[in-house]
Amino acid sequence: CRVGKGTHYGIGRIDHFIRSCSQNYTKDAYILKLDIQGY
């Protein structure tokens, strides 16, 4: 619910985080995904 953001932007950012943290898939990196129950 923000101008210029949305799902596609979010997917791209998570992809960017993974590439950045793993230094373009050359180093170890881990993903923690969490969710709130009945938010």
Full PDB file with SEQRES, HELIX, SHEET, SSBOND, CRYST1, ORIGX, SCALE, CONECT and MASTER records, all heavy atoms in Angstrom:
SEQRES   1 A   39  CYS ARG VAL GLY LYS GLY THR HIS TYR GLY ILE GLY ARG          
SEQRES   2 A   39  ILE ASP HIS PHE ILE ARG SER CYS SER GLN ASN TYR THR          
SEQRES   3 A   39  LYS ASP ALA TYR ILE LEU LYS LEU ASP ILE GLN GLY TYR          
HELIX    1 AA1 THR A    7  CYS A   21  1                                  15    
CRYST1    1.000    1.000    1.000  90.00  90.00  90.00 P 1           1          
ORIGX1      1.000000  0.000000  0.000000        0.00000                         
ORIGX2      0.000000  1.000000  0.000000        0.00000                         
ORIGX3      0.000000  0.000000  1.000000        0.00000                         
SCALE1      1.000000  0.000000  0.000000        0.00000                         
SCALE2      0.000000  1.000000  0.000000        0.00000                         
SCALE3      0.000000  0.000000  1.000000        0.00000                         
ATOM      1  N   CYS A   1       0.814  -1.211   0.000  1.00  0.00           N  
ATOM      2  CA  CYS A   1       0.000   0.000   0.000  1.00  0.00           C  
ATOM      3  C   CYS A   1       0.851   1.266   0.000  1.00  0.00           C  
ATOM      4  O   CYS A   1       0.585   2.215   0.734  1.00  0.00           O  
ATOM      5  CB  CYS A   1      -0.948  -0.005   1.206  1.00  0.00           C  
ATOM      6  SG  CYS A   1      -2.271   1.232   1.122  1.00  0.00           S  
ATOM      7  N   ARG A   2       1.888   1.274  -0.841  1.00  0.00           N  
ATOM      8  CA  ARG A   2       2.744   2.451  -0.951  1.00  0.00           C  
ATOM      9  C   ARG A   2       3.043   2.734  -2.414  1.00  0.00           C  
ATOM     10  O   ARG A   2       3.307   1.809  -3.193  1.00  0.00           O  
ATOM     11  CB  ARG A   2       4.052   2.252  -0.179  1.00  0.00           C  
ATOM     12  CG  ARG A   2       3.856   2.083   1.315  1.00  0.00           C  
ATOM     13  CD  ARG A   2       5.169   1.830   2.021  1.00  0.00           C  
ATOM     14  NE  ARG A   2       6.065   2.985   1.941  1.00  0.00           N  
ATOM     15  CZ  ARG A   2       7.343   2.954   2.317  1.00  0.00           C  
ATOM     16  NH1 ARG A   2       7.875   1.823   2.769  1.00  0.00           N  
ATOM     17  NH2 ARG A   2       8.087   4.045   2.224  1.00  0.00           N  
ATOM     18  N   VAL A   3       3.017   3.996  -2.770  1.00  0.00           N  
ATOM     19  CA  VAL A   3       3.266   4.399  -4.152  1.00  0.00           C  
ATOM     20  C   VAL A   3       4.682   4.007  -4.556  1.00  0.00           C  
ATOM     21  O   VAL A   3       5.648   4.274  -3.831  1.00  0.00           O  
ATOM     22  CB  VAL A   3       3.074   5.927  -4.316  1.00  0.00           C  
ATOM     23  CG1 VAL A   3       3.420   6.351  -5.740  1.00  0.00           C  
ATOM     24  CG2 VAL A   3       1.638   6.324  -3.972  1.00  0.00           C  
ATOM     25  N   GLY A   4       4.797   3.343  -5.705  1.00  0.00           N  
ATOM     26  CA  GLY A   4       6.096   2.947  -6.217  1.00  0.00           C  
ATOM     27  C   GLY A   4       6.655   1.677  -5.596  1.00  0.00           C  
ATOM     28  O   GLY A   4       7.792   1.287  -5.885  1.00  0.00           O  
ATOM     29  N   LYS A   5       5.878   1.022  -4.727  1.00  0.00           N  
ATOM     30  CA  LYS A   5       6.345  -0.228  -4.092  1.00  0.00           C  
ATOM     31  C   LYS A   5       5.532  -1.397  -4.652  1.00  0.00           C  
ATOM     32  O   LYS A   5       5.448  -1.568  -5.846  1.00  0.00           O  
ATOM     33  CB  LYS A   5       6.201  -0.135  -2.573  1.00  0.00           C  
ATOM     34  CG  LYS A   5       6.838   1.103  -1.959  1.00  0.00           C  
ATOM     35  CD  LYS A   5       8.347   1.093  -2.010  1.00  0.00           C  
ATOM     36  CE  LYS A   5       8.929   2.300  -1.291  1.00  0.00           C  
ATOM     37  NZ  LYS A   5      10.399   2.346  -1.357  1.00  0.00           N  
ATOM     38  N   GLY A   6       4.947  -2.206  -3.784  1.00  0.00           N  
ATOM     39  CA  GLY A   6       4.109  -3.321  -4.232  1.00  0.00           C  
ATOM     40  C   GLY A   6       4.867  -4.633  -4.287  1.00  0.00           C  
ATOM     41  O   GLY A   6       6.054  -4.726  -3.941  1.00  0.00           O  
ATOM     42  N   THR A   7       4.172  -5.686  -4.749  1.00  0.00           N  
ATOM     43  CA  THR A   7       4.731  -7.038  -4.714  1.00  0.00           C  
ATOM     44  C   THR A   7       5.958  -7.190  -5.617  1.00  0.00           C  
ATOM     45  O   THR A   7       6.952  -7.791  -5.216  1.00  0.00           O  
ATOM     46  CB  THR A   7       3.663  -8.077  -5.118  1.00  0.00           C  
ATOM     47  OG1 THR A   7       3.150  -7.742  -6.408  1.00  0.00           O  
ATOM     48  CG2 THR A   7       2.525  -8.107  -4.109  1.00  0.00           C  
ATOM     49  N   HIS A   8       5.880  -6.663  -6.838  1.00  0.00           N  
ATOM     50  CA  HIS A   8       6.997  -6.838  -7.773  1.00  0.00           C  
ATOM     51  C   HIS A   8       8.256  -6.158  -7.247  1.00  0.00           C  
ATOM     52  O   HIS A   8       9.357  -6.714  -7.330  1.00  0.00           O  
ATOM     53  CB  HIS A   8       6.614  -6.286  -9.144  1.00  0.00           C  
ATOM     54  CG  HIS A   8       7.664  -6.518 -10.194  1.00  0.00           C  
ATOM     55  ND1 HIS A   8       8.085  -7.780 -10.551  1.00  0.00           N  
ATOM     56  CD2 HIS A   8       8.392  -5.645 -10.957  1.00  0.00           C  
ATOM     57  CE1 HIS A   8       9.016  -7.687 -11.484  1.00  0.00           C  
ATOM     58  NE2 HIS A   8       9.223  -6.407 -11.735  1.00  0.00           N  
ATOM     59  N   TYR A   9       8.079  -4.978  -6.687  1.00  0.00           N  
ATOM     60  CA  TYR A   9       9.218  -4.264  -6.100  1.00  0.00           C  
ATOM     61  C   TYR A   9       9.793  -5.064  -4.929  1.00  0.00           C  
ATOM     62  O   TYR A   9      11.017  -5.196  -4.791  1.00  0.00           O  
ATOM     63  CB  TYR A   9       8.782  -2.876  -5.630  1.00  0.00           C  
ATOM     64  CG  TYR A   9       9.879  -2.048  -4.995  1.00  0.00           C  
ATOM     65  CD1 TYR A   9      10.787  -1.338  -5.780  1.00  0.00           C  
ATOM     66  CD2 TYR A   9      10.013  -1.990  -3.610  1.00  0.00           C  
ATOM     67  CE1 TYR A   9      11.793  -0.583  -5.201  1.00  0.00           C  
ATOM     68  CE2 TYR A   9      11.021  -1.240  -3.023  1.00  0.00           C  
ATOM     69  CZ  TYR A   9      11.907  -0.537  -3.824  1.00  0.00           C  
ATOM     70  OH  TYR A   9      12.898   0.204  -3.238  1.00  0.00           O  
ATOM     71  N   GLY A  10       8.905  -5.607  -4.092  1.00  0.00           N  
ATOM     72  CA  GLY A  10       9.346  -6.385  -2.945  1.00  0.00           C  
ATOM     73  C   GLY A  10      10.124  -7.622  -3.347  1.00  0.00           C  
ATOM     74  O   GLY A  10      11.154  -7.952  -2.746  1.00  0.00           O  
ATOM     75  N   ILE A  11       9.653  -8.318  -4.370  1.00  0.00           N  
ATOM     76  CA  ILE A  11      10.354  -9.513  -4.868  1.00  0.00           C  
ATOM     77  C   ILE A  11      11.746  -9.131  -5.362  1.00  0.00           C  
ATOM     78  O   ILE A  11      12.739  -9.806  -5.063  1.00  0.00           O  
ATOM     79  CB  ILE A  11       9.535 -10.177  -5.994  1.00  0.00           C  
ATOM     80  CG1 ILE A  11       8.252 -10.788  -5.414  1.00  0.00           C  
ATOM     81  CG2 ILE A  11      10.354 -11.248  -6.716  1.00  0.00           C  
ATOM     82  CD1 ILE A  11       7.212 -11.137  -6.468  1.00  0.00           C  
ATOM     83  N   GLY A  12      11.821  -8.032  -6.098  1.00  0.00           N  
ATOM     84  CA  GLY A  12      13.107  -7.562  -6.610  1.00  0.00           C  
ATOM     85  C   GLY A  12      14.073  -7.192  -5.496  1.00  0.00           C  
ATOM     86  O   GLY A  12      15.282  -7.455  -5.589  1.00  0.00           O  
ATOM     87  N   ARG A  13      13.549  -6.601  -4.434  1.00  0.00           N  
ATOM     88  CA  ARG A  13      14.413  -6.213  -3.313  1.00  0.00           C  
ATOM     89  C   ARG A  13      14.958  -7.438  -2.570  1.00  0.00           C  
ATOM     90  O   ARG A  13      16.136  -7.465  -2.200  1.00  0.00           O  
ATOM     91  CB  ARG A  13      13.634  -5.323  -2.344  1.00  0.00           C  
ATOM     92  CG  ARG A  13      13.378  -3.935  -2.875  1.00  0.00           C  
ATOM     93  CD  ARG A  13      14.646  -3.138  -3.015  1.00  0.00           C  
ATOM     94  NE  ARG A  13      15.209  -2.788  -1.692  1.00  0.00           N  
ATOM     95  CZ  ARG A  13      16.413  -2.254  -1.520  1.00  0.00           C  
ATOM     96  NH1 ARG A  13      17.209  -2.050  -2.557  1.00  0.00           N  
ATOM     97  NH2 ARG A  13      16.835  -1.954  -0.302  1.00  0.00           N  
ATOM     98  N   ILE A  14      14.121  -8.449  -2.355  1.00  0.00           N  
ATOM     99  CA  ILE A  14      14.602  -9.662  -1.676  1.00  0.00           C  
ATOM    100  C   ILE A  14      15.659 -10.349  -2.536  1.00  0.00           C  
ATOM    101  O   ILE A  14      16.677 -10.836  -2.028  1.00  0.00           O  
ATOM    102  CB  ILE A  14      13.437 -10.624  -1.349  1.00  0.00           C  
ATOM    103  CG1 ILE A  14      12.392  -9.950  -0.455  1.00  0.00           C  
ATOM    104  CG2 ILE A  14      13.977 -11.904  -0.705  1.00  0.00           C  
ATOM    105  CD1 ILE A  14      12.923  -9.387   0.846  1.00  0.00           C  
ATOM    106  N   ASP A  15      15.438 -10.378  -3.834  1.00  0.00           N  
ATOM    107  CA  ASP A  15      16.441 -10.930  -4.758  1.00  0.00           C  
ATOM    108  C   ASP A  15      17.748 -10.145  -4.645  1.00  0.00           C  
ATOM    109  O   ASP A  15      18.841 -10.726  -4.630  1.00  0.00           O  
ATOM    110  CB  ASP A  15      15.901 -10.886  -6.185  1.00  0.00           C  
ATOM    111  CG  ASP A  15      16.882 -11.445  -7.205  1.00  0.00           C  
ATOM    112  OD1 ASP A  15      17.357 -12.580  -7.015  1.00  0.00           O  
ATOM    113  OD2 ASP A  15      17.171 -10.741  -8.195  1.00  0.00           O  
ATOM    114  N   HIS A  16      17.640  -8.823  -4.561  1.00  0.00           N  
ATOM    115  CA  HIS A  16      18.826  -7.970  -4.411  1.00  0.00           C  
ATOM    116  C   HIS A  16      19.546  -8.266  -3.093  1.00  0.00           C  
ATOM    117  O   HIS A  16      20.787  -8.340  -3.056  1.00  0.00           O  
ATOM    118  CB  HIS A  16      18.413  -6.495  -4.461  1.00  0.00           C  
ATOM    119  CG  HIS A  16      19.488  -5.550  -4.025  1.00  0.00           C  
ATOM    120  ND1 HIS A  16      20.586  -5.261  -4.807  1.00  0.00           N  
ATOM    121  CD2 HIS A  16      19.646  -4.847  -2.854  1.00  0.00           C  
ATOM    122  CE1 HIS A  16      21.381  -4.408  -4.153  1.00  0.00           C  
ATOM    123  NE2 HIS A  16      20.817  -4.143  -2.974  1.00  0.00           N  
ATOM    124  N   PHE A  17      18.776  -8.441  -1.999  1.00  0.00           N  
ATOM    125  CA  PHE A  17      19.384  -8.743  -0.699  1.00  0.00           C  
ATOM    126  C   PHE A  17      20.204 -10.032  -0.771  1.00  0.00           C  
ATOM    127  O   PHE A  17      21.308 -10.116  -0.219  1.00  0.00           O  
ATOM    128  CB  PHE A  17      18.307  -8.892   0.376  1.00  0.00           C  
ATOM    129  CG  PHE A  17      17.569  -7.622   0.706  1.00  0.00           C  
ATOM    130  CD1 PHE A  17      16.295  -7.676   1.255  1.00  0.00           C  
ATOM    131  CD2 PHE A  17      18.135  -6.376   0.469  1.00  0.00           C  
ATOM    132  CE1 PHE A  17      15.608  -6.520   1.570  1.00  0.00           C  
ATOM    133  CE2 PHE A  17      17.456  -5.207   0.782  1.00  0.00           C  
ATOM    134  CZ  PHE A  17      16.181  -5.279   1.323  1.00  0.00           C  
ATOM    135  N   ILE A  18      19.638 -11.040  -1.425  1.00  0.00           N  
ATOM    136  CA  ILE A  18      20.312 -12.338  -1.525  1.00  0.00           C  
ATOM    137  C   ILE A  18      21.607 -12.196  -2.318  1.00  0.00           C  
ATOM    138  O   ILE A  18      22.669 -12.690  -1.909  1.00  0.00           O  
ATOM    139  CB  ILE A  18      19.382 -13.387  -2.164  1.00  0.00           C  
ATOM    140  CG1 ILE A  18      18.200 -13.673  -1.239  1.00  0.00           C  
ATOM    141  CG2 ILE A  18      20.150 -14.673  -2.474  1.00  0.00           C  
ATOM    142  CD1 ILE A  18      17.078 -14.468  -1.888  1.00  0.00           C  
ATOM    143  N   ARG A  19      21.531 -11.501  -3.442  1.00  0.00           N  
ATOM    144  CA  ARG A  19      22.738 -11.317  -4.268  1.00  0.00           C  
ATOM    145  C   ARG A  19      23.792 -10.501  -3.531  1.00  0.00           C  
ATOM    146  O   ARG A  19      24.990 -10.798  -3.592  1.00  0.00           O  
ATOM    147  CB  ARG A  19      22.377 -10.644  -5.595  1.00  0.00           C  
ATOM    148  CG  ARG A  19      21.694 -11.583  -6.579  1.00  0.00           C  
ATOM    149  CD  ARG A  19      21.491 -10.967  -7.954  1.00  0.00           C  
ATOM    150  NE  ARG A  19      20.424  -9.968  -7.951  1.00  0.00           N  
ATOM    151  CZ  ARG A  19      20.617  -8.664  -8.036  1.00  0.00           C  
ATOM    152  NH1 ARG A  19      21.864  -8.185  -8.129  1.00  0.00           N  
ATOM    153  NH2 ARG A  19      19.602  -7.834  -8.034  1.00  0.00           N  
ATOM    154  N   SER A  20      23.352  -9.473  -2.816  1.00  0.00           N  
ATOM    155  CA  SER A  20      24.281  -8.612  -2.084  1.00  0.00           C  
ATOM    156  C   SER A  20      24.954  -9.358  -0.935  1.00  0.00           C  
ATOM    157  O   SER A  20      26.181  -9.300  -0.767  1.00  0.00           O  
ATOM    158  CB  SER A  20      23.532  -7.390  -1.547  1.00  0.00           C  
ATOM    159  OG  SER A  20      24.363  -6.589  -0.736  1.00  0.00           O  
ATOM    160  N   CYS A  21      24.141 -10.057  -0.142  1.00  0.00           N  
ATOM    161  CA  CYS A  21      24.667 -10.754   1.028  1.00  0.00           C  
ATOM    162  C   CYS A  21      25.586 -11.918   0.629  1.00  0.00           C  
ATOM    163  O   CYS A  21      26.578 -12.198   1.315  1.00  0.00           O  
ATOM    164  CB  CYS A  21      23.510 -11.257   1.884  1.00  0.00           C  
ATOM    165  SG  CYS A  21      23.994 -11.876   3.512  1.00  0.00           S  
ATOM    166  N   SER A  22      25.265 -12.585  -0.478  1.00  0.00           N  
ATOM    167  CA  SER A  22      26.070 -13.734  -0.929  1.00  0.00           C  
ATOM    168  C   SER A  22      27.195 -13.306  -1.874  1.00  0.00           C  
ATOM    169  O   SER A  22      27.920 -14.168  -2.391  1.00  0.00           O  
ATOM    170  CB  SER A  22      25.173 -14.751  -1.649  1.00  0.00           C  
ATOM    171  OG  SER A  22      24.667 -14.202  -2.860  1.00  0.00           O  
ATOM    172  N   GLN A  23      27.314 -11.986  -2.074  1.00  0.00           N  
ATOM    173  CA  GLN A  23      28.326 -11.444  -2.996  1.00  0.00           C  
ATOM    174  C   GLN A  23      28.232 -12.136  -4.360  1.00  0.00           C  
ATOM    175  O   GLN A  23      29.166 -12.761  -4.835  1.00  0.00           O  
ATOM    176  CB  GLN A  23      29.729 -11.573  -2.401  1.00  0.00           C  
ATOM    177  CG  GLN A  23      29.912 -10.769  -1.118  1.00  0.00           C  
ATOM    178  CD  GLN A  23      31.307 -10.870  -0.535  1.00  0.00           C  
ATOM    179  OE1 GLN A  23      32.279 -11.014  -1.274  1.00  0.00           O  
ATOM    180  NE2 GLN A  23      31.423 -10.801   0.781  1.00  0.00           N  
ATOM    181  N   ASN A  24      27.034 -11.957  -4.943  1.00  0.00           N  
ATOM    182  CA  ASN A  24      26.721 -12.557  -6.251  1.00  0.00           C  
ATOM    183  C   ASN A  24      26.889 -14.073  -6.260  1.00  0.00           C  
ATOM    184  O   ASN A  24      27.515 -14.660  -7.153  1.00  0.00           O  
ATOM    185  CB  ASN A  24      27.562 -11.916  -7.362  1.00  0.00           C  
ATOM    186  CG  ASN A  24      26.994 -10.580  -7.784  1.00  0.00           C  
ATOM    187  OD1 ASN A  24      25.780 -10.386  -7.795  1.00  0.00           O  
ATOM    188  ND2 ASN A  24      27.877  -9.654  -8.121  1.00  0.00           N  
ATOM    189  N   TYR A  25      26.327 -14.707  -5.220  1.00  0.00           N  
ATOM    190  CA  TYR A  25      26.252 -16.159  -5.109  1.00  0.00           C  
ATOM    191  C   TYR A  25      27.624 -16.827  -4.957  1.00  0.00           C  
ATOM    192  O   TYR A  25      27.800 -17.991  -5.325  1.00  0.00           O  
ATOM    193  CB  TYR A  25      25.526 -16.761  -6.323  1.00  0.00           C  
ATOM    194  CG  TYR A  25      24.248 -16.040  -6.686  1.00  0.00           C  
ATOM    195  CD1 TYR A  25      24.084 -15.481  -7.957  1.00  0.00           C  
ATOM    196  CD2 TYR A  25      23.212 -15.894  -5.772  1.00  0.00           C  
ATOM    197  CE1 TYR A  25      22.906 -14.807  -8.299  1.00  0.00           C  
ATOM    198  CE2 TYR A  25      22.047 -15.220  -6.105  1.00  0.00           C  
ATOM    199  CZ  TYR A  25      21.902 -14.676  -7.368  1.00  0.00           C  
ATOM    200  OH  TYR A  25      20.745 -14.001  -7.703  1.00  0.00           O  
ATOM    201  N   THR A  26      28.575 -16.111  -4.372  1.00  0.00           N  
ATOM    202  CA  THR A  26      29.911 -16.685  -4.155  1.00  0.00           C  
ATOM    203  C   THR A  26      30.164 -17.005  -2.681  1.00  0.00           C  
ATOM    204  O   THR A  26      31.123 -17.707  -2.360  1.00  0.00           O  
ATOM    205  CB  THR A  26      31.008 -15.728  -4.652  1.00  0.00           C  
ATOM    206  OG1 THR A  26      30.953 -14.509  -3.893  1.00  0.00           O  
ATOM    207  CG2 THR A  26      30.857 -15.445  -6.134  1.00  0.00           C  
ATOM    208  N   LYS A  27      29.320 -16.462  -1.780  1.00  0.00           N  
ATOM    209  CA  LYS A  27      29.473 -16.691  -0.348  1.00  0.00           C  
ATOM    210  C   LYS A  27      28.181 -17.241   0.242  1.00  0.00           C  
ATOM    211  O   LYS A  27      27.124 -17.172  -0.378  1.00  0.00           O  
ATOM    212  CB  LYS A  27      29.835 -15.375   0.366  1.00  0.00           C  
ATOM    213  CG  LYS A  27      31.076 -14.670  -0.158  1.00  0.00           C  
ATOM    214  CD  LYS A  27      32.342 -15.430   0.214  1.00  0.00           C  
ATOM    215  CE  LYS A  27      33.579 -14.657  -0.256  1.00  0.00           C  
ATOM    216  NZ  LYS A  27      34.835 -15.379   0.072  1.00  0.00           N  
ATOM    217  N   ASP A  28      28.280 -17.772   1.444  1.00  0.00           N  
ATOM    218  CA  ASP A  28      27.092 -18.277   2.125  1.00  0.00           C  
ATOM    219  C   ASP A  28      26.165 -17.127   2.533  1.00  0.00           C  
ATOM    220  O   ASP A  28      26.622 -16.056   2.950  1.00  0.00           O  
ATOM    221  CB  ASP A  28      27.465 -19.068   3.379  1.00  0.00           C  
ATOM    222  CG  ASP A  28      27.931 -20.481   3.066  1.00  0.00           C  
ATOM    223  OD1 ASP A  28      27.487 -21.026   2.036  1.00  0.00           O  
ATOM    224  OD2 ASP A  28      28.735 -21.024   3.843  1.00  0.00           O  
ATOM    225  N   ALA A  29      24.877 -17.364   2.409  1.00  0.00           N  
ATOM    226  CA  ALA A  29      23.856 -16.431   2.897  1.00  0.00           C  
ATOM    227  C   ALA A  29      22.610 -17.250   3.221  1.00  0.00           C  
ATOM    228  O   ALA A  29      22.338 -18.273   2.569  1.00  0.00           O  
ATOM    229  CB  ALA A  29      23.545 -15.368   1.854  1.00  0.00           C  
ATOM    230  N   TYR A  30      21.862 -16.790   4.221  1.00  0.00           N  
ATOM    231  CA  TYR A  30      20.696 -17.536   4.682  1.00  0.00           C  
ATOM    232  C   TYR A  30      19.465 -16.626   4.713  1.00  0.00           C  
ATOM    233  O   TYR A  30      19.568 -15.414   4.928  1.00  0.00           O  
ATOM    234  CB  TYR A  30      20.958 -18.139   6.063  1.00  0.00           C  
ATOM    235  CG  TYR A  30      22.061 -19.172   6.033  1.00  0.00           C  
ATOM    236  CD1 TYR A  30      23.391 -18.780   6.172  1.00  0.00           C  
ATOM    237  CD2 TYR A  30      21.776 -20.516   5.826  1.00  0.00           C  
ATOM    238  CE1 TYR A  30      24.418 -19.721   6.110  1.00  0.00           C  
ATOM    239  CE2 TYR A  30      22.789 -21.459   5.761  1.00  0.00           C  
ATOM    240  CZ  TYR A  30      24.106 -21.064   5.898  1.00  0.00           C  
ATOM    241  OH  TYR A  30      25.120 -21.996   5.825  1.00  0.00           O  
ATOM    242  N   ILE A  31      18.327 -17.256   4.500  1.00  0.00           N  
ATOM    243  CA  ILE A  31      17.057 -16.523   4.426  1.00  0.00           C  
ATOM    244  C   ILE A  31      16.169 -16.953   5.586  1.00  0.00           C  
ATOM    245  O   ILE A  31      15.904 -18.146   5.770  1.00  0.00           O  
ATOM    246  CB  ILE A  31      16.333 -16.819   3.096  1.00  0.00           C  
ATOM    247  CG1 ILE A  31      17.212 -16.461   1.896  1.00  0.00           C  
ATOM    248  CG2 ILE A  31      14.997 -16.075   3.028  1.00  0.00           C  
ATOM    249  CD1 ILE A  31      16.738 -17.064   0.587  1.00  0.00           C  
ATOM    250  N   LEU A  32      15.702 -15.962   6.355  1.00  0.00           N  
ATOM    251  CA  LEU A  32      14.727 -16.217   7.414  1.00  0.00           C  
ATOM    252  C   LEU A  32      13.434 -15.506   7.033  1.00  0.00           C  
ATOM    253  O   LEU A  32      13.407 -14.282   6.903  1.00  0.00           O  
ATOM    254  CB  LEU A  32      15.233 -15.683   8.762  1.00  0.00           C  
ATOM    255  CG  LEU A  32      14.239 -15.739   9.936  1.00  0.00           C  
ATOM    256  CD1 LEU A  32      13.853 -17.189  10.258  1.00  0.00           C  
ATOM    257  CD2 LEU A  32      14.814 -15.056  11.179  1.00  0.00           C  
ATOM    258  N   LYS A  33      12.381 -16.299   6.832  1.00  0.00           N  
ATOM    259  CA  LYS A  33      11.070 -15.728   6.497  1.00  0.00           C  
ATOM    260  C   LYS A  33      10.119 -16.002   7.653  1.00  0.00           C  
ATOM    261  O   LYS A  33       9.993 -17.139   8.112  1.00  0.00           O  
ATOM    262  CB  LYS A  33      10.516 -16.332   5.203  1.00  0.00           C  
ATOM    263  CG  LYS A  33       9.226 -15.641   4.742  1.00  0.00           C  
ATOM    264  CD  LYS A  33       8.745 -16.161   3.386  1.00  0.00           C  
ATOM    265  CE  LYS A  33       8.107 -17.519   3.502  1.00  0.00           C  
ATOM    266  NZ  LYS A  33       7.307 -17.890   2.306  1.00  0.00           N  
ATOM    267  N   LEU A  34       9.444 -14.936   8.108  1.00  0.00           N  
ATOM    268  CA  LEU A  34       8.535 -15.029   9.239  1.00  0.00           C  
ATOM    269  C   LEU A  34       7.170 -14.446   8.888  1.00  0.00           C  
ATOM    270  O   LEU A  34       7.048 -13.656   7.950  1.00  0.00           O  
ATOM    271  CB  LEU A  34       9.120 -14.295  10.454  1.00  0.00           C  
ATOM    272  CG  LEU A  34      10.478 -14.795  10.960  1.00  0.00           C  
ATOM    273  CD1 LEU A  34      11.044 -13.847  12.010  1.00  0.00           C  
ATOM    274  CD2 LEU A  34      10.361 -16.205  11.530  1.00  0.00           C  
ATOM    275  N   ASP A  35       6.178 -14.831   9.670  1.00  0.00           N  
ATOM    276  CA  ASP A  35       4.803 -14.434   9.423  1.00  0.00           C  
ATOM    277  C   ASP A  35       4.114 -14.219  10.769  1.00  0.00           C  
ATOM    278  O   ASP A  35       4.451 -14.877  11.748  1.00  0.00           O  
ATOM    279  CB  ASP A  35       4.102 -15.545   8.616  1.00  0.00           C  
ATOM    280  CG  ASP A  35       2.692 -15.165   8.200  1.00  0.00           C  
ATOM    281  OD1 ASP A  35       1.790 -15.259   9.046  1.00  0.00           O  
ATOM    282  OD2 ASP A  35       2.495 -14.780   7.049  1.00  0.00           O  
ATOM    283  N   ILE A  36       3.160 -13.301  10.815  1.00  0.00           N  
ATOM    284  CA  ILE A  36       2.418 -13.030  12.047  1.00  0.00           C  
ATOM    285  C   ILE A  36       1.069 -13.746  11.990  1.00  0.00           C  
ATOM    286  O   ILE A  36       0.356 -13.648  10.988  1.00  0.00           O  
ATOM    287  CB  ILE A  36       2.225 -11.518  12.257  1.00  0.00           C  
ATOM    288  CG1 ILE A  36       3.588 -10.850  12.453  1.00  0.00           C  
ATOM    289  CG2 ILE A  36       1.315 -11.238  13.448  1.00  0.00           C  
ATOM    290  CD1 ILE A  36       3.557  -9.355  12.429  1.00  0.00           C  
ATOM    291  N   GLN A  37       0.733 -14.434  13.042  1.00  0.00           N  
ATOM    292  CA  GLN A  37      -0.502 -15.217  13.075  1.00  0.00           C  
ATOM    293  C   GLN A  37      -1.720 -14.309  13.222  1.00  0.00           C  
ATOM    294  O   GLN A  37      -1.811 -13.508  14.147  1.00  0.00           O  
ATOM    295  CB  GLN A  37      -0.464 -16.216  14.240  1.00  0.00           C  
ATOM    296  CG  GLN A  37      -1.627 -17.188  14.248  1.00  0.00           C  
ATOM    297  CD  GLN A  37      -1.406 -18.326  15.222  1.00  0.00           C  
ATOM    298  OE1 GLN A  37      -0.299 -18.566  15.680  1.00  0.00           O  
ATOM    299  NE2 GLN A  37      -2.471 -19.039  15.544  1.00  0.00           N  
ATOM    300  N   GLY A  38      -2.663 -14.445  12.258  1.00  0.00           N  
ATOM    301  CA  GLY A  38      -3.898 -13.674  12.305  1.00  0.00           C  
ATOM    302  C   GLY A  38      -3.670 -12.183  12.475  1.00  0.00           C  
ATOM    303  O   GLY A  38      -4.278 -11.559  13.348  1.00  0.00           O  
ATOM    304  N   TYR A  39      -2.802 -11.618  11.637  1.00  0.00           N  
ATOM    305  CA  TYR A  39      -2.338 -10.249  11.875  1.00  0.00           C  
ATOM    306  C   TYR A  39      -3.455  -9.226  12.015  1.00  0.00           C  
ATOM    307  O   TYR A  39      -3.598  -8.571  13.057  1.00  0.00           O  
ATOM    308  CB  TYR A  39      -1.355  -9.821  10.776  1.00  0.00           C  
ATOM    309  CG  TYR A  39      -0.961  -8.360  10.901  1.00  0.00           C  
ATOM    310  CD1 TYR A  39      -0.456  -7.870  12.104  1.00  0.00           C  
ATOM    311  CD2 TYR A  39      -1.127  -7.476   9.847  1.00  0.00           C  
ATOM    312  CE1 TYR A  39      -0.112  -6.537  12.242  1.00  0.00           C  
ATOM    313  CE2 TYR A  39      -0.783  -6.140   9.975  1.00  0.00           C  
ATOM    314  CZ  TYR A  39      -0.269  -5.674  11.174  1.00  0.00           C  
ATOM    315  OH  TYR A  39       0.049  -4.351  11.317  1.00  0.00           O  
TER     316      TYR A  39                                                      
MASTER        0    0    0    1    0    0    0    6  315    1    0    3          
END                                                                             
